[in-house]
Amino acid sequence: MTARTLLILRHASAANEPGMADVERPLTPIGRKEATNAGRELAARRPEHVLCSPALRTRQTWQQVSAELPSQPKVDFEPSLYLATVDTLREVIWQTADDIGTLLLIGHNPAVHELAWMLLEEQAPQHFPPASLAEVTFDGAWTQL
């Protein structure tokens, strides 16, 4: 069996100003710090591939995270991750190539929290605030997640 690690990251804190399109919400100064801290946490885990929502706040979260990583993995900005359901997240993850051992998914609540809850069960976090990170390890192919 092949060991796999799925890293689930919720985007960092974003602005929520009246009249601003949801997809264009940028990170706040606190959000940039949260994302940098998440990057420091992720540096030791060395993600090999990143699936990221194309929303501005997720792209900016990735930008801050990536600055802390020792090497730069391949990144796909996947449109279906914006406003995704947990089923959509699973379907996108299932398409990951078998040669990838560690995958980082950067997305939005409630789907990222639901995914963590579904996969981690009793070990799942009760709350999944901005910049929260969950780690799921398992043996087998990505399609078995």
N, C-alpha and C. Protein backbone atom coordinates (compact mmCIF):
# COMPACT_ATOMS: atom_id res chain seq x y z
N MET A 1 0.83 -1.19 0.00
CA MET A 1 0.00 0.00 0.00
C MET A 1 0.88 1.26 0.00
N THR A 2 0.37 2.27 -0.64
CA THR A 2 1.06 3.55 -0.71
C THR A 2 0.43 4.52 0.27
N ALA A 3 1.26 5.12 1.13
CA ALA A 3 0.75 6.10 2.09
C ALA A 3 0.51 7.42 1.37
N ARG A 4 -0.61 8.05 1.68
CA ARG A 4 -0.99 9.34 1.10
C ARG A 4 -1.34 10.30 2.23
N THR A 5 -1.14 11.59 1.97
CA THR A 5 -1.52 12.63 2.91
C THR A 5 -2.31 13.69 2.17
N LEU A 6 -3.50 13.97 2.69
CA LEU A 6 -4.33 15.05 2.20
C LEU A 6 -4.30 16.17 3.24
N LEU A 7 -3.89 17.35 2.82
CA LEU A 7 -3.86 18.53 3.68
C LEU A 7 -5.02 19.42 3.24
N ILE A 8 -5.93 19.70 4.15
CA ILE A 8 -7.11 20.50 3.86
C ILE A 8 -6.95 21.85 4.55
N LEU A 9 -6.89 22.92 3.76
CA LEU A 9 -6.67 24.26 4.31
C LEU A 9 -7.83 25.16 3.91
N ARG A 10 -8.45 25.76 4.91
CA ARG A 10 -9.44 26.80 4.62
C ARG A 10 -8.69 28.10 4.37
N HIS A 11 -9.16 28.90 3.44
CA HIS A 11 -8.53 30.19 3.17
C HIS A 11 -8.44 31.01 4.45
N ALA A 12 -7.51 31.94 4.47
CA ALA A 12 -7.32 32.82 5.62
C ALA A 12 -8.41 33.90 5.65
N SER A 13 -8.42 34.70 6.72
CA SER A 13 -9.45 35.73 6.92
C SER A 13 -9.49 36.72 5.76
N ALA A 14 -10.72 36.95 5.29
CA ALA A 14 -10.92 37.82 4.13
C ALA A 14 -11.85 38.98 4.47
N ALA A 15 -11.69 40.07 3.71
CA ALA A 15 -12.56 41.23 3.85
C ALA A 15 -13.98 40.86 3.44
N ASN A 16 -14.93 41.55 4.03
CA ASN A 16 -16.34 41.32 3.70
C ASN A 16 -17.04 42.66 3.66
N GLU A 17 -16.74 43.42 2.62
CA GLU A 17 -17.28 44.77 2.50
C GLU A 17 -18.55 44.76 1.67
N PRO A 18 -19.53 45.60 2.02
CA PRO A 18 -20.78 45.67 1.26
C PRO A 18 -20.52 45.98 -0.21
N GLY A 19 -21.22 45.27 -1.07
CA GLY A 19 -21.11 45.49 -2.49
C GLY A 19 -19.96 44.78 -3.17
N MET A 20 -19.07 44.15 -2.40
CA MET A 20 -17.93 43.46 -2.97
C MET A 20 -18.37 42.06 -3.43
N ALA A 21 -18.03 41.70 -4.64
CA ALA A 21 -18.34 40.35 -5.13
C ALA A 21 -17.61 39.33 -4.26
N ASP A 22 -18.29 38.27 -3.88
CA ASP A 22 -17.70 37.26 -2.99
C ASP A 22 -16.40 36.71 -3.55
N VAL A 23 -16.35 36.42 -4.82
CA VAL A 23 -15.17 35.83 -5.44
C VAL A 23 -13.96 36.76 -5.41
N GLU A 24 -14.20 38.06 -5.25
CA GLU A 24 -13.12 39.06 -5.25
C GLU A 24 -12.71 39.54 -3.86
N ARG A 25 -13.19 38.88 -2.80
CA ARG A 25 -12.83 39.30 -1.45
C ARG A 25 -11.35 39.02 -1.18
N PRO A 26 -10.56 40.06 -0.84
CA PRO A 26 -9.13 39.87 -0.57
C PRO A 26 -8.89 39.49 0.89
N LEU A 27 -7.69 39.01 1.15
CA LEU A 27 -7.29 38.76 2.54
C LEU A 27 -7.15 40.07 3.29
N THR A 28 -7.45 40.02 4.56
CA THR A 28 -7.20 41.15 5.45
C THR A 28 -5.73 41.08 5.90
N PRO A 29 -5.21 42.12 6.55
CA PRO A 29 -3.85 42.02 7.11
C PRO A 29 -3.72 40.82 8.07
N ILE A 30 -4.73 40.59 8.87
CA ILE A 30 -4.70 39.41 9.77
C ILE A 30 -4.67 38.13 8.94
N GLY A 31 -5.45 38.10 7.86
CA GLY A 31 -5.48 36.93 6.99
C GLY A 31 -4.11 36.64 6.37
N ARG A 32 -3.40 37.67 5.98
CA ARG A 32 -2.05 37.46 5.42
C ARG A 32 -1.13 36.83 6.47
N LYS A 33 -1.24 37.27 7.72
CA LYS A 33 -0.44 36.68 8.80
C LYS A 33 -0.86 35.22 9.05
N GLU A 34 -2.17 34.97 9.05
CA GLU A 34 -2.66 33.60 9.24
C GLU A 34 -2.12 32.68 8.15
N ALA A 35 -2.15 33.15 6.90
CA ALA A 35 -1.68 32.33 5.78
C ALA A 35 -0.17 32.09 5.86
N THR A 36 0.57 33.09 6.27
CA THR A 36 2.02 32.91 6.45
C THR A 36 2.28 31.86 7.52
N ASN A 37 1.55 31.92 8.63
CA ASN A 37 1.70 30.92 9.68
C ASN A 37 1.33 29.53 9.18
N ALA A 38 0.28 29.44 8.38
CA ALA A 38 -0.10 28.15 7.80
C ALA A 38 1.01 27.62 6.90
N GLY A 39 1.64 28.53 6.14
CA GLY A 39 2.76 28.13 5.29
C GLY A 39 3.93 27.56 6.09
N ARG A 40 4.20 28.17 7.22
CA ARG A 40 5.27 27.66 8.09
C ARG A 40 4.92 26.25 8.58
N GLU A 41 3.66 26.05 8.91
CA GLU A 41 3.20 24.73 9.36
C GLU A 41 3.30 23.71 8.23
N LEU A 42 3.00 24.14 7.01
CA LEU A 42 2.99 23.23 5.86
C LEU A 42 4.39 22.94 5.31
N ALA A 43 5.37 23.77 5.65
CA ALA A 43 6.72 23.61 5.09
C ALA A 43 7.28 22.22 5.35
N ALA A 44 7.08 21.69 6.54
CA ALA A 44 7.61 20.37 6.87
C ALA A 44 6.83 19.24 6.18
N ARG A 45 5.61 19.52 5.76
CA ARG A 45 4.77 18.50 5.14
C ARG A 45 5.01 18.39 3.63
N ARG A 46 5.63 19.38 3.05
CA ARG A 46 6.05 19.38 1.65
C ARG A 46 4.99 18.89 0.66
N PRO A 47 3.93 19.65 0.49
CA PRO A 47 2.93 19.24 -0.50
C PRO A 47 3.55 19.14 -1.90
N GLU A 48 3.14 18.12 -2.63
CA GLU A 48 3.66 17.88 -3.97
C GLU A 48 2.75 18.47 -5.05
N HIS A 49 1.50 18.67 -4.70
CA HIS A 49 0.53 19.20 -5.65
C HIS A 49 -0.49 20.01 -4.84
N VAL A 50 -0.97 21.11 -5.42
CA VAL A 50 -1.93 21.97 -4.76
C VAL A 50 -3.15 22.12 -5.66
N LEU A 51 -4.32 21.93 -5.06
CA LEU A 51 -5.60 22.23 -5.70
C LEU A 51 -6.17 23.43 -4.96
N CYS A 52 -6.40 24.52 -5.68
CA CYS A 52 -6.80 25.77 -5.04
C CYS A 52 -7.99 26.36 -5.76
N SER A 53 -8.97 26.82 -5.00
CA SER A 53 -10.09 27.56 -5.56
C SER A 53 -9.54 28.82 -6.25
N PRO A 54 -10.18 29.27 -7.32
CA PRO A 54 -9.71 30.48 -8.00
C PRO A 54 -10.15 31.79 -7.36
N ALA A 55 -10.91 31.75 -6.28
CA ALA A 55 -11.33 32.99 -5.60
C ALA A 55 -10.09 33.76 -5.15
N LEU A 56 -10.20 35.07 -5.09
CA LEU A 56 -9.06 35.91 -4.73
C LEU A 56 -8.49 35.52 -3.37
N ARG A 57 -9.34 35.30 -2.37
CA ARG A 57 -8.85 35.00 -1.02
C ARG A 57 -8.10 33.66 -0.94
N THR A 58 -8.49 32.68 -1.75
CA THR A 58 -7.76 31.40 -1.75
C THR A 58 -6.45 31.54 -2.50
N ARG A 59 -6.45 32.29 -3.61
CA ARG A 59 -5.21 32.52 -4.35
C ARG A 59 -4.21 33.30 -3.50
N GLN A 60 -4.71 34.30 -2.75
CA GLN A 60 -3.82 35.06 -1.88
C GLN A 60 -3.34 34.21 -0.70
N THR A 61 -4.18 33.33 -0.21
CA THR A 61 -3.75 32.41 0.84
C THR A 61 -2.61 31.55 0.31
N TRP A 62 -2.77 31.00 -0.90
CA TRP A 62 -1.72 30.19 -1.49
C TRP A 62 -0.43 31.01 -1.67
N GLN A 63 -0.55 32.24 -2.12
CA GLN A 63 0.62 33.09 -2.33
C GLN A 63 1.42 33.24 -1.03
N GLN A 64 0.72 33.49 0.08
CA GLN A 64 1.40 33.63 1.37
C GLN A 64 1.98 32.29 1.83
N VAL A 65 1.22 31.21 1.67
CA VAL A 65 1.69 29.87 2.06
C VAL A 65 2.93 29.50 1.26
N SER A 66 2.86 29.68 -0.05
CA SER A 66 3.95 29.22 -0.92
C SER A 66 5.28 29.91 -0.61
N ALA A 67 5.22 31.15 -0.13
CA ALA A 67 6.44 31.88 0.21
C ALA A 67 7.20 31.21 1.36
N GLU A 68 6.53 30.36 2.12
CA GLU A 68 7.15 29.69 3.28
C GLU A 68 7.63 28.27 2.96
N LEU A 69 7.32 27.78 1.78
CA LEU A 69 7.67 26.40 1.43
C LEU A 69 9.08 26.29 0.87
N PRO A 70 9.77 25.18 1.17
CA PRO A 70 11.14 25.02 0.67
C PRO A 70 11.20 24.76 -0.83
N SER A 71 10.12 24.24 -1.40
CA SER A 71 10.06 24.01 -2.84
C SER A 71 8.63 24.30 -3.30
N GLN A 72 8.48 24.57 -4.58
CA GLN A 72 7.18 24.97 -5.11
C GLN A 72 6.51 23.80 -5.85
N PRO A 73 5.39 23.33 -5.31
CA PRO A 73 4.68 22.25 -5.97
C PRO A 73 3.88 22.77 -7.17
N LYS A 74 3.41 21.86 -7.98
CA LYS A 74 2.50 22.20 -9.08
C LYS A 74 1.18 22.67 -8.47
N VAL A 75 0.60 23.73 -9.03
CA VAL A 75 -0.65 24.29 -8.52
C VAL A 75 -1.69 24.31 -9.63
N ASP A 76 -2.88 23.84 -9.31
CA ASP A 76 -4.02 23.95 -10.22
C ASP A 76 -5.09 24.79 -9.54
N PHE A 77 -5.48 25.88 -10.20
CA PHE A 77 -6.58 26.70 -9.72
C PHE A 77 -7.84 26.14 -10.36
N GLU A 78 -8.56 25.35 -9.57
CA GLU A 78 -9.68 24.55 -10.05
C GLU A 78 -11.00 25.28 -9.85
N PRO A 79 -11.67 25.73 -10.94
CA PRO A 79 -12.92 26.48 -10.81
C PRO A 79 -14.00 25.77 -10.00
N SER A 80 -14.06 24.45 -10.07
CA SER A 80 -15.12 23.73 -9.35
C SER A 80 -14.95 23.76 -7.84
N LEU A 81 -13.80 24.22 -7.33
CA LEU A 81 -13.60 24.30 -5.88
C LEU A 81 -14.27 25.52 -5.26
N TYR A 82 -14.60 26.52 -6.08
CA TYR A 82 -15.31 27.69 -5.56
C TYR A 82 -16.78 27.33 -5.42
N LEU A 83 -17.32 27.52 -4.23
CA LEU A 83 -18.71 27.16 -3.90
C LEU A 83 -18.97 25.66 -4.04
N ALA A 84 -17.95 24.85 -3.83
CA ALA A 84 -18.04 23.40 -3.99
C ALA A 84 -18.81 22.76 -2.84
N THR A 85 -19.35 21.60 -3.14
CA THR A 85 -19.90 20.72 -2.11
C THR A 85 -18.81 19.75 -1.70
N VAL A 86 -19.03 19.03 -0.63
CA VAL A 86 -18.05 18.04 -0.20
C VAL A 86 -17.91 16.95 -1.27
N ASP A 87 -18.99 16.61 -1.97
CA ASP A 87 -18.90 15.61 -3.04
C ASP A 87 -18.02 16.11 -4.18
N THR A 88 -18.12 17.39 -4.51
CA THR A 88 -17.27 17.95 -5.55
C THR A 88 -15.81 17.90 -5.13
N LEU A 89 -15.52 18.23 -3.88
CA LEU A 89 -14.15 18.16 -3.38
C LEU A 89 -13.60 16.75 -3.54
N ARG A 90 -14.38 15.78 -3.15
CA ARG A 90 -13.92 14.38 -3.26
C ARG A 90 -13.67 14.00 -4.72
N GLU A 91 -14.56 14.40 -5.61
CA GLU A 91 -14.39 14.07 -7.03
C GLU A 91 -13.11 14.69 -7.59
N VAL A 92 -12.81 15.93 -7.22
CA VAL A 92 -11.58 16.58 -7.69
C VAL A 92 -10.35 15.86 -7.11
N ILE A 93 -10.39 15.51 -5.85
CA ILE A 93 -9.28 14.80 -5.21
C ILE A 93 -9.06 13.44 -5.88
N TRP A 94 -10.13 12.75 -6.22
CA TRP A 94 -10.02 11.43 -6.86
C TRP A 94 -9.27 11.50 -8.19
N GLN A 95 -9.20 12.66 -8.81
CA GLN A 95 -8.52 12.81 -10.09
C GLN A 95 -7.01 13.02 -9.94
N THR A 96 -6.53 13.06 -8.69
CA THR A 96 -5.10 13.28 -8.44
C THR A 96 -4.30 12.09 -8.94
N ALA A 97 -3.19 12.38 -9.58
CA ALA A 97 -2.31 11.35 -10.13
C ALA A 97 -1.75 10.46 -9.02
N ASP A 98 -1.56 9.20 -9.34
CA ASP A 98 -1.09 8.22 -8.36
C ASP A 98 0.33 8.49 -7.87
N ASP A 99 1.12 9.28 -8.62
CA ASP A 99 2.48 9.53 -8.18
C ASP A 99 2.57 10.67 -7.15
N ILE A 100 1.44 11.27 -6.79
CA ILE A 100 1.39 12.34 -5.79
C ILE A 100 1.16 11.71 -4.41
N GLY A 101 2.07 11.96 -3.49
CA GLY A 101 1.93 11.42 -2.14
C GLY A 101 1.27 12.39 -1.17
N THR A 102 1.50 13.70 -1.36
CA THR A 102 0.95 14.71 -0.47
C THR A 102 0.25 15.79 -1.30
N LEU A 103 -1.04 15.95 -1.03
CA LEU A 103 -1.88 16.88 -1.77
C LEU A 103 -2.40 17.94 -0.81
N LEU A 104 -2.30 19.21 -1.22
CA LEU A 104 -2.85 20.32 -0.45
C LEU A 104 -4.08 20.85 -1.18
N LEU A 105 -5.20 20.91 -0.49
CA LEU A 105 -6.45 21.45 -1.01
C LEU A 105 -6.74 22.75 -0.27
N ILE A 106 -6.90 23.86 -1.01
CA ILE A 106 -7.21 25.15 -0.40
C ILE A 106 -8.60 25.55 -0.89
N GLY A 107 -9.53 25.64 0.07
CA GLY A 107 -10.90 25.93 -0.32
C GLY A 107 -11.67 26.71 0.73
N HIS A 108 -12.97 26.49 0.71
CA HIS A 108 -13.93 27.31 1.46
C HIS A 108 -14.80 26.44 2.37
N ASN A 109 -15.26 27.06 3.45
CA ASN A 109 -16.31 26.45 4.26
C ASN A 109 -17.63 26.65 3.54
N PRO A 110 -18.61 25.80 3.74
CA PRO A 110 -18.59 24.70 4.69
C PRO A 110 -17.95 23.42 4.15
N ALA A 111 -17.66 23.36 2.84
CA ALA A 111 -17.22 22.09 2.24
C ALA A 111 -15.91 21.57 2.82
N VAL A 112 -14.91 22.44 3.05
CA VAL A 112 -13.64 21.93 3.57
C VAL A 112 -13.81 21.38 4.99
N HIS A 113 -14.63 22.01 5.81
CA HIS A 113 -14.87 21.50 7.15
C HIS A 113 -15.64 20.18 7.08
N GLU A 114 -16.63 20.10 6.21
CA GLU A 114 -17.39 18.86 6.05
C GLU A 114 -16.49 17.73 5.59
N LEU A 115 -15.56 18.02 4.68
CA LEU A 115 -14.63 16.99 4.22
C LEU A 115 -13.75 16.51 5.36
N ALA A 116 -13.19 17.44 6.14
CA ALA A 116 -12.37 17.06 7.29
C ALA A 116 -13.19 16.22 8.27
N TRP A 117 -14.41 16.65 8.53
CA TRP A 117 -15.28 15.94 9.46
C TRP A 117 -15.56 14.52 8.97
N MET A 118 -15.86 14.39 7.68
CA MET A 118 -16.18 13.09 7.10
C MET A 118 -14.98 12.14 7.16
N LEU A 119 -13.79 12.67 6.90
CA LEU A 119 -12.60 11.82 6.83
C LEU A 119 -11.98 11.54 8.18
N LEU A 120 -12.07 12.47 9.11
CA LEU A 120 -11.41 12.32 10.41
C LEU A 120 -12.34 11.84 11.51
N GLU A 121 -13.64 11.88 11.28
CA GLU A 121 -14.67 11.45 12.23
C GLU A 121 -14.44 12.05 13.61
N GLU A 122 -14.20 11.22 14.63
CA GLU A 122 -14.11 11.73 16.00
C GLU A 122 -12.88 12.62 16.23
N GLN A 123 -11.89 12.57 15.34
CA GLN A 123 -10.70 13.41 15.48
C GLN A 123 -10.86 14.73 14.73
N ALA A 124 -11.99 14.94 14.08
CA ALA A 124 -12.21 16.15 13.29
C ALA A 124 -12.37 17.37 14.20
N PRO A 125 -11.91 18.52 13.71
CA PRO A 125 -12.09 19.74 14.50
C PRO A 125 -13.56 20.13 14.58
N GLN A 126 -13.99 20.62 15.74
CA GLN A 126 -15.38 21.06 15.92
C GLN A 126 -15.66 22.32 15.12
N HIS A 127 -14.66 23.16 15.02
CA HIS A 127 -14.77 24.43 14.28
C HIS A 127 -13.63 24.47 13.27
N PHE A 128 -13.83 25.17 12.18
CA PHE A 128 -12.82 25.26 11.13
C PHE A 128 -12.71 26.71 10.69
N PRO A 129 -12.16 27.57 11.56
CA PRO A 129 -12.07 29.01 11.25
C PRO A 129 -11.07 29.26 10.11
N PRO A 130 -10.99 30.49 9.63
CA PRO A 130 -10.04 30.81 8.57
C PRO A 130 -8.63 30.33 8.89
N ALA A 131 -7.96 29.82 7.86
CA ALA A 131 -6.59 29.29 7.91
C ALA A 131 -6.46 28.01 8.72
N SER A 132 -7.58 27.33 8.99
CA SER A 132 -7.52 26.04 9.67
C SER A 132 -6.94 24.99 8.73
N LEU A 133 -6.22 24.05 9.32
CA LEU A 133 -5.57 22.99 8.56
C LEU A 133 -5.94 21.64 9.18
N ALA A 134 -6.34 20.71 8.33
CA ALA A 134 -6.58 19.33 8.76
C ALA A 134 -5.68 18.43 7.92
N GLU A 135 -5.18 17.38 8.54
CA GLU A 135 -4.29 16.43 7.86
C GLU A 135 -4.91 15.03 7.93
N VAL A 136 -5.04 14.42 6.77
CA VAL A 136 -5.63 13.08 6.66
C VAL A 136 -4.60 12.18 6.01
N THR A 137 -4.24 11.10 6.68
CA THR A 137 -3.34 10.13 6.09
C THR A 137 -4.07 8.81 5.90
N PHE A 138 -3.75 8.14 4.81
CA PHE A 138 -4.40 6.87 4.51
C PHE A 138 -3.52 6.07 3.56
N ASP A 139 -3.79 4.80 3.44
CA ASP A 139 -3.09 3.93 2.50
C ASP A 139 -3.99 3.65 1.32
N GLY A 140 -3.40 3.66 0.15
CA GLY A 140 -4.17 3.36 -1.06
C GLY A 140 -4.12 4.48 -2.07
N ALA A 141 -4.93 4.33 -3.12
CA ALA A 141 -4.98 5.32 -4.19
C ALA A 141 -5.89 6.48 -3.77
N TRP A 142 -5.73 7.61 -4.46
CA TRP A 142 -6.59 8.77 -4.19
C TRP A 142 -8.05 8.43 -4.43
N THR A 143 -8.33 7.55 -5.35
CA THR A 143 -9.71 7.16 -5.63
C THR A 143 -10.34 6.38 -4.48
N GLN A 144 -9.53 5.95 -3.52
CA GLN A 144 -10.04 5.21 -2.35
C GLN A 144 -10.33 6.12 -1.17
N LEU A 145 -10.06 7.41 -1.32
CA LEU A 145 -10.32 8.35 -0.22
C LEU A 145 -11.80 8.41 0.08
